[in-house]
Amino acid sequence: MTEKETYLMAIDMLCCHLGLSKEEAQKQLGIHSSADLETQILETQEALMGLNQ
């Protein structure tokens, strides 16, 4: 299951109750597109291994 599917109920609640757009709700929850998420994961892994300066 993707991260966005995991947070679908939270996104719906933010959209309905606070009037946020889907993108705004995802931003509030810290959810990014898959490509952005993959990039962040790779950068974090590299930093933890000391490969990133």
PDB file of N, CA and C in Angstrom:
ATOM      1  N   MET A   1       0.842  -1.172   0.000  1.00  0.00           N
ATOM      2  CA  MET A   1       0.000   0.000   0.000  1.00  0.00           C
ATOM      3  C   MET A   1       0.891   1.241   0.000  1.00  0.00           C
ATOM      4  N   THR A   2       0.550   2.196  -0.831  1.00  0.00           N
ATOM      5  CA  THR A   2       1.362   3.394  -0.891  1.00  0.00           C
ATOM      6  C   THR A   2       1.048   4.301   0.280  1.00  0.00           C
ATOM      7  N   GLU A   3       1.945   5.222   0.506  1.00  0.00           N
ATOM      8  CA  GLU A   3       1.782   6.135   1.637  1.00  0.00           C
ATOM      9  C   GLU A   3       0.518   6.969   1.486  1.00  0.00           C
ATOM     10  N   LYS A   4       0.208   7.399   0.266  1.00  0.00           N
ATOM     11  CA  LYS A   4      -0.989   8.210   0.057  1.00  0.00           C
ATOM     12  C   LYS A   4      -2.252   7.423   0.374  1.00  0.00           C
ATOM     13  N   GLU A   5      -2.271   6.144   0.067  1.00  0.00           N
ATOM     14  CA  GLU A   5      -3.436   5.318   0.387  1.00  0.00           C
ATOM     15  C   GLU A   5      -3.580   5.155   1.892  1.00  0.00           C
ATOM     16  N   THR A   6      -2.482   5.101   2.589  1.00  0.00           N
ATOM     17  CA  THR A   6      -2.497   4.964   4.040  1.00  0.00           C
ATOM     18  C   THR A   6      -3.132   6.197   4.681  1.00  0.00           C
ATOM     19  N   TYR A   7      -2.881   7.363   4.116  1.00  0.00           N
ATOM     20  CA  TYR A   7      -3.364   8.617   4.676  1.00  0.00           C
ATOM     21  C   TYR A   7      -4.630   9.131   4.004  1.00  0.00           C
ATOM     22  N   LEU A   8      -5.301   8.296   3.222  1.00  0.00           N
ATOM     23  CA  LEU A   8      -6.470   8.731   2.463  1.00  0.00           C
ATOM     24  C   LEU A   8      -7.564   9.297   3.370  1.00  0.00           C
ATOM     25  N   MET A   9      -7.842   8.646   4.496  1.00  0.00           N
ATOM     26  CA  MET A   9      -8.885   9.136   5.396  1.00  0.00           C
ATOM     27  C   MET A   9      -8.502  10.492   5.984  1.00  0.00           C
ATOM     28  N   ALA A  10      -7.250  10.647   6.356  1.00  0.00           N
ATOM     29  CA  ALA A  10      -6.798  11.922   6.916  1.00  0.00           C
ATOM     30  C   ALA A  10      -6.889  13.032   5.868  1.00  0.00           C
ATOM     31  N   ILE A  11      -6.540  12.711   4.636  1.00  0.00           N
ATOM     32  CA  ILE A  11      -6.633  13.693   3.546  1.00  0.00           C
ATOM     33  C   ILE A  11      -8.087  14.091   3.347  1.00  0.00           C
ATOM     34  N   ASP A  12      -8.977  13.112   3.307  1.00  0.00           N
ATOM     35  CA  ASP A  12     -10.404  13.392   3.139  1.00  0.00           C
ATOM     36  C   ASP A  12     -10.943  14.269   4.267  1.00  0.00           C
ATOM     37  N   MET A  13     -10.522  13.976   5.488  1.00  0.00           N
ATOM     38  CA  MET A  13     -10.996  14.777   6.630  1.00  0.00           C
ATOM     39  C   MET A  13     -10.513  16.215   6.526  1.00  0.00           C
ATOM     40  N   LEU A  14      -9.262  16.413   6.166  1.00  0.00           N
ATOM     41  CA  LEU A  14      -8.744  17.778   6.024  1.00  0.00           C
ATOM     42  C   LEU A  14      -9.462  18.526   4.911  1.00  0.00           C
ATOM     43  N   CYS A  15      -9.735  17.822   3.825  1.00  0.00           N
ATOM     44  CA  CYS A  15     -10.436  18.447   2.700  1.00  0.00           C
ATOM     45  C   CYS A  15     -11.860  18.836   3.085  1.00  0.00           C
ATOM     46  N   CYS A  16     -12.583  17.914   3.698  1.00  0.00           N
ATOM     47  CA  CYS A  16     -13.994  18.146   4.025  1.00  0.00           C
ATOM     48  C   CYS A  16     -14.178  19.126   5.176  1.00  0.00           C
ATOM     49  N   HIS A  17     -13.440  18.936   6.259  1.00  0.00           N
ATOM     50  CA  HIS A  17     -13.686  19.721   7.468  1.00  0.00           C
ATOM     51  C   HIS A  17     -12.950  21.059   7.485  1.00  0.00           C
ATOM     52  N   LEU A  18     -11.812  21.133   6.819  1.00  0.00           N
ATOM     53  CA  LEU A  18     -11.061  22.389   6.821  1.00  0.00           C
ATOM     54  C   LEU A  18     -11.111  23.104   5.478  1.00  0.00           C
ATOM     55  N   GLY A  19     -11.683  22.457   4.471  1.00  0.00           N
ATOM     56  CA  GLY A  19     -11.815  23.087   3.163  1.00  0.00           C
ATOM     57  C   GLY A  19     -10.503  23.177   2.400  1.00  0.00           C
ATOM     58  N   LEU A  20      -9.558  22.320   2.723  1.00  0.00           N
ATOM     59  CA  LEU A  20      -8.274  22.329   2.024  1.00  0.00           C
ATOM     60  C   LEU A  20      -8.393  21.561   0.710  1.00  0.00           C
ATOM     61  N   SER A  21      -7.540  21.920  -0.238  1.00  0.00           N
ATOM     62  CA  SER A  21      -7.457  21.130  -1.461  1.00  0.00           C
ATOM     63  C   SER A  21      -6.688  19.854  -1.144  1.00  0.00           C
ATOM     64  N   LYS A  22      -6.751  18.894  -2.046  1.00  0.00           N
ATOM     65  CA  LYS A  22      -6.044  17.629  -1.827  1.00  0.00           C
ATOM     66  C   LYS A  22      -4.541  17.876  -1.681  1.00  0.00           C
ATOM     67  N   GLU A  23      -3.995  18.771  -2.503  1.00  0.00           N
ATOM     68  CA  GLU A  23      -2.563  19.079  -2.442  1.00  0.00           C
ATOM     69  C   GLU A  23      -2.200  19.754  -1.122  1.00  0.00           C
ATOM     70  N   GLU A  24      -3.066  20.677  -0.663  1.00  0.00           N
ATOM     71  CA  GLU A  24      -2.811  21.346   0.615  1.00  0.00           C
ATOM     72  C   GLU A  24      -2.860  20.349   1.769  1.00  0.00           C
ATOM     73  N   ALA A  25      -3.816  19.440   1.721  1.00  0.00           N
ATOM     74  CA  ALA A  25      -3.937  18.430   2.769  1.00  0.00           C
ATOM     75  C   ALA A  25      -2.701  17.536   2.794  1.00  0.00           C
ATOM     76  N   GLN A  26      -2.241  17.121   1.613  1.00  0.00           N
ATOM     77  CA  GLN A  26      -1.038  16.286   1.546  1.00  0.00           C
ATOM     78  C   GLN A  26       0.166  17.040   2.086  1.00  0.00           C
ATOM     79  N   LYS A  27       0.252  18.324   1.790  1.00  0.00           N
ATOM     80  CA  LYS A  27       1.363  19.136   2.292  1.00  0.00           C
ATOM     81  C   LYS A  27       1.310  19.225   3.816  1.00  0.00           C
ATOM     82  N   GLN A  28       0.110  19.411   4.377  1.00  0.00           N
ATOM     83  CA  GLN A  28      -0.051  19.475   5.825  1.00  0.00           C
ATOM     84  C   GLN A  28       0.378  18.174   6.501  1.00  0.00           C
ATOM     85  N   LEU A  29       0.144  17.051   5.819  1.00  0.00           N
ATOM     86  CA  LEU A  29       0.504  15.745   6.369  1.00  0.00           C
ATOM     87  C   LEU A  29       1.958  15.358   6.062  1.00  0.00           C
ATOM     88  N   GLY A  30       2.627  16.174   5.254  1.00  0.00           N
ATOM     89  CA  GLY A  30       4.014  15.872   4.905  1.00  0.00           C
ATOM     90  C   GLY A  30       4.141  14.803   3.845  1.00  0.00           C
ATOM     91  N   ILE A  31       3.098  14.640   3.033  1.00  0.00           N
ATOM     92  CA  ILE A  31       3.108  13.634   1.972  1.00  0.00           C
ATOM     93  C   ILE A  31       3.494  14.324   0.670  1.00  0.00           C
ATOM     94  N   HIS A  32       4.430  13.734  -0.022  1.00  0.00           N
ATOM     95  CA  HIS A  32       4.893  14.273  -1.286  1.00  0.00           C
ATOM     96  C   HIS A  32       4.665  13.256  -2.385  1.00  0.00           C
ATOM     97  N   SER A  33       4.939  13.665  -3.610  1.00  0.00           N
ATOM     98  CA  SER A  33       4.802  12.717  -4.715  1.00  0.00           C
ATOM     99  C   SER A  33       5.799  11.582  -4.553  1.00  0.00           C
ATOM    100  N   SER A  34       5.571  10.489  -5.233  1.00  0.00           N
ATOM    101  CA  SER A  34       6.436   9.310  -5.123  1.00  0.00           C
ATOM    102  C   SER A  34       7.872   9.634  -5.474  1.00  0.00           C
ATOM    103  N   ALA A  35       8.071  10.436  -6.523  1.00  0.00           N
ATOM    104  CA  ALA A  35       9.424  10.780  -6.952  1.00  0.00           C
ATOM    105  C   ALA A  35      10.135  11.577  -5.862  1.00  0.00           C
ATOM    106  N   ASP A  36       9.438  12.544  -5.266  1.00  0.00           N
ATOM    107  CA  ASP A  36      10.029  13.337  -4.192  1.00  0.00           C
ATOM    108  C   ASP A  36      10.349  12.454  -2.991  1.00  0.00           C
ATOM    109  N   LEU A  37       9.450  11.559  -2.680  1.00  0.00           N
ATOM    110  CA  LEU A  37       9.648  10.663  -1.550  1.00  0.00           C
ATOM    111  C   LEU A  37      10.847   9.752  -1.781  1.00  0.00           C
ATOM    112  N   GLU A  38      10.966   9.197  -2.987  1.00  0.00           N
ATOM    113  CA  GLU A  38      12.109   8.335  -3.321  1.00  0.00           C
ATOM    114  C   GLU A  38      13.415   9.117  -3.196  1.00  0.00           C
ATOM    115  N   THR A  39      13.431  10.358  -3.670  1.00  0.00           N
ATOM    116  CA  THR A  39      14.628  11.194  -3.586  1.00  0.00           C
ATOM    117  C   THR A  39      15.006  11.440  -2.133  1.00  0.00           C
ATOM    118  N   GLN A  40      14.023  11.745  -1.297  1.00  0.00           N
ATOM    119  CA  GLN A  40      14.295  11.984   0.116  1.00  0.00           C
ATOM    120  C   GLN A  40      14.824  10.727   0.799  1.00  0.00           C
ATOM    121  N   ILE A  41      14.270   9.588   0.459  1.00  0.00           N
ATOM    122  CA  ILE A  41      14.738   8.325   1.044  1.00  0.00           C
ATOM    123  C   ILE A  41      16.188   8.070   0.656  1.00  0.00           C
ATOM    124  N   LEU A  42      16.509   8.233  -0.620  1.00  0.00           N
ATOM    125  CA  LEU A  42      17.880   8.014  -1.083  1.00  0.00           C
ATOM    126  C   LEU A  42      18.852   8.978  -0.415  1.00  0.00           C
ATOM    127  N   GLU A  43      18.464  10.253  -0.312  1.00  0.00           N
ATOM    128  CA  GLU A  43      19.341  11.241   0.323  1.00  0.00           C
ATOM    129  C   GLU A  43      19.567  10.909   1.793  1.00  0.00           C
ATOM    130  N   THR A  44      18.539  10.470   2.472  1.00  0.00           N
ATOM    131  CA  THR A  44      18.661  10.104   3.884  1.00  0.00           C
ATOM    132  C   THR A  44      19.570   8.893   4.057  1.00  0.00           C
ATOM    133  N   GLN A  45      19.373   7.889   3.199  1.00  0.00           N
ATOM    134  CA  GLN A  45      20.219   6.699   3.277  1.00  0.00           C
ATOM    135  C   GLN A  45      21.677   7.046   3.018  1.00  0.00           C
ATOM    136  N   GLU A  46      21.935   7.890   2.013  1.00  0.00           N
ATOM    137  CA  GLU A  46      23.306   8.292   1.707  1.00  0.00           C
ATOM    138  C   GLU A  46      23.914   9.054   2.871  1.00  0.00           C
ATOM    139  N   ALA A  47      23.132   9.946   3.473  1.00  0.00           N
ATOM    140  CA  ALA A  47      23.636  10.733   4.601  1.00  0.00           C
ATOM    141  C   ALA A  47      23.970   9.831   5.784  1.00  0.00           C
ATOM    142  N   LEU A  48      23.120   8.841   6.034  1.00  0.00           N
ATOM    143  CA  LEU A  48      23.366   7.921   7.145  1.00  0.00           C
ATOM    144  C   LEU A  48      24.605   7.067   6.909  1.00  0.00           C
ATOM    145  N   MET A  49      24.892   6.783   5.653  1.00  0.00           N
ATOM    146  CA  MET A  49      26.068   5.961   5.332  1.00  0.00           C
ATOM    147  C   MET A  49      27.321   6.823   5.163  1.00  0.00           C
ATOM    148  N   GLY A  50      27.171   8.146   5.268  1.00  0.00           N
ATOM    149  CA  GLY A  50      28.308   9.036   5.146  1.00  0.00           C
ATOM    150  C   GLY A  50      28.742   9.283   3.714  1.00  0.00           C
ATOM    151  N   LEU A  51      27.879   9.003   2.748  1.00  0.00           N
ATOM    152  CA  LEU A  51      28.227   9.214   1.354  1.00  0.00           C
ATOM    153  C   LEU A  51      27.930  10.626   0.883  1.00  0.00           C
ATOM    154  N   ASN A  52      27.003  11.277   1.556  1.00  0.00           N
ATOM    155  CA  ASN A  52      26.591  12.616   1.181  1.00  0.00           C
ATOM    156  C   ASN A  52      27.411  13.621   1.980  1.00  0.00           C
ATOM    157  N   GLN A  53      27.926  14.637   1.316  1.00  0.00           N
ATOM    158  CA  GLN A  53      28.787  15.598   2.039  1.00  0.00           C
ATOM    159  C   GLN A  53      27.997  16.761   2.508  1.00  0.00           C
TER     160      GLN A  53
END
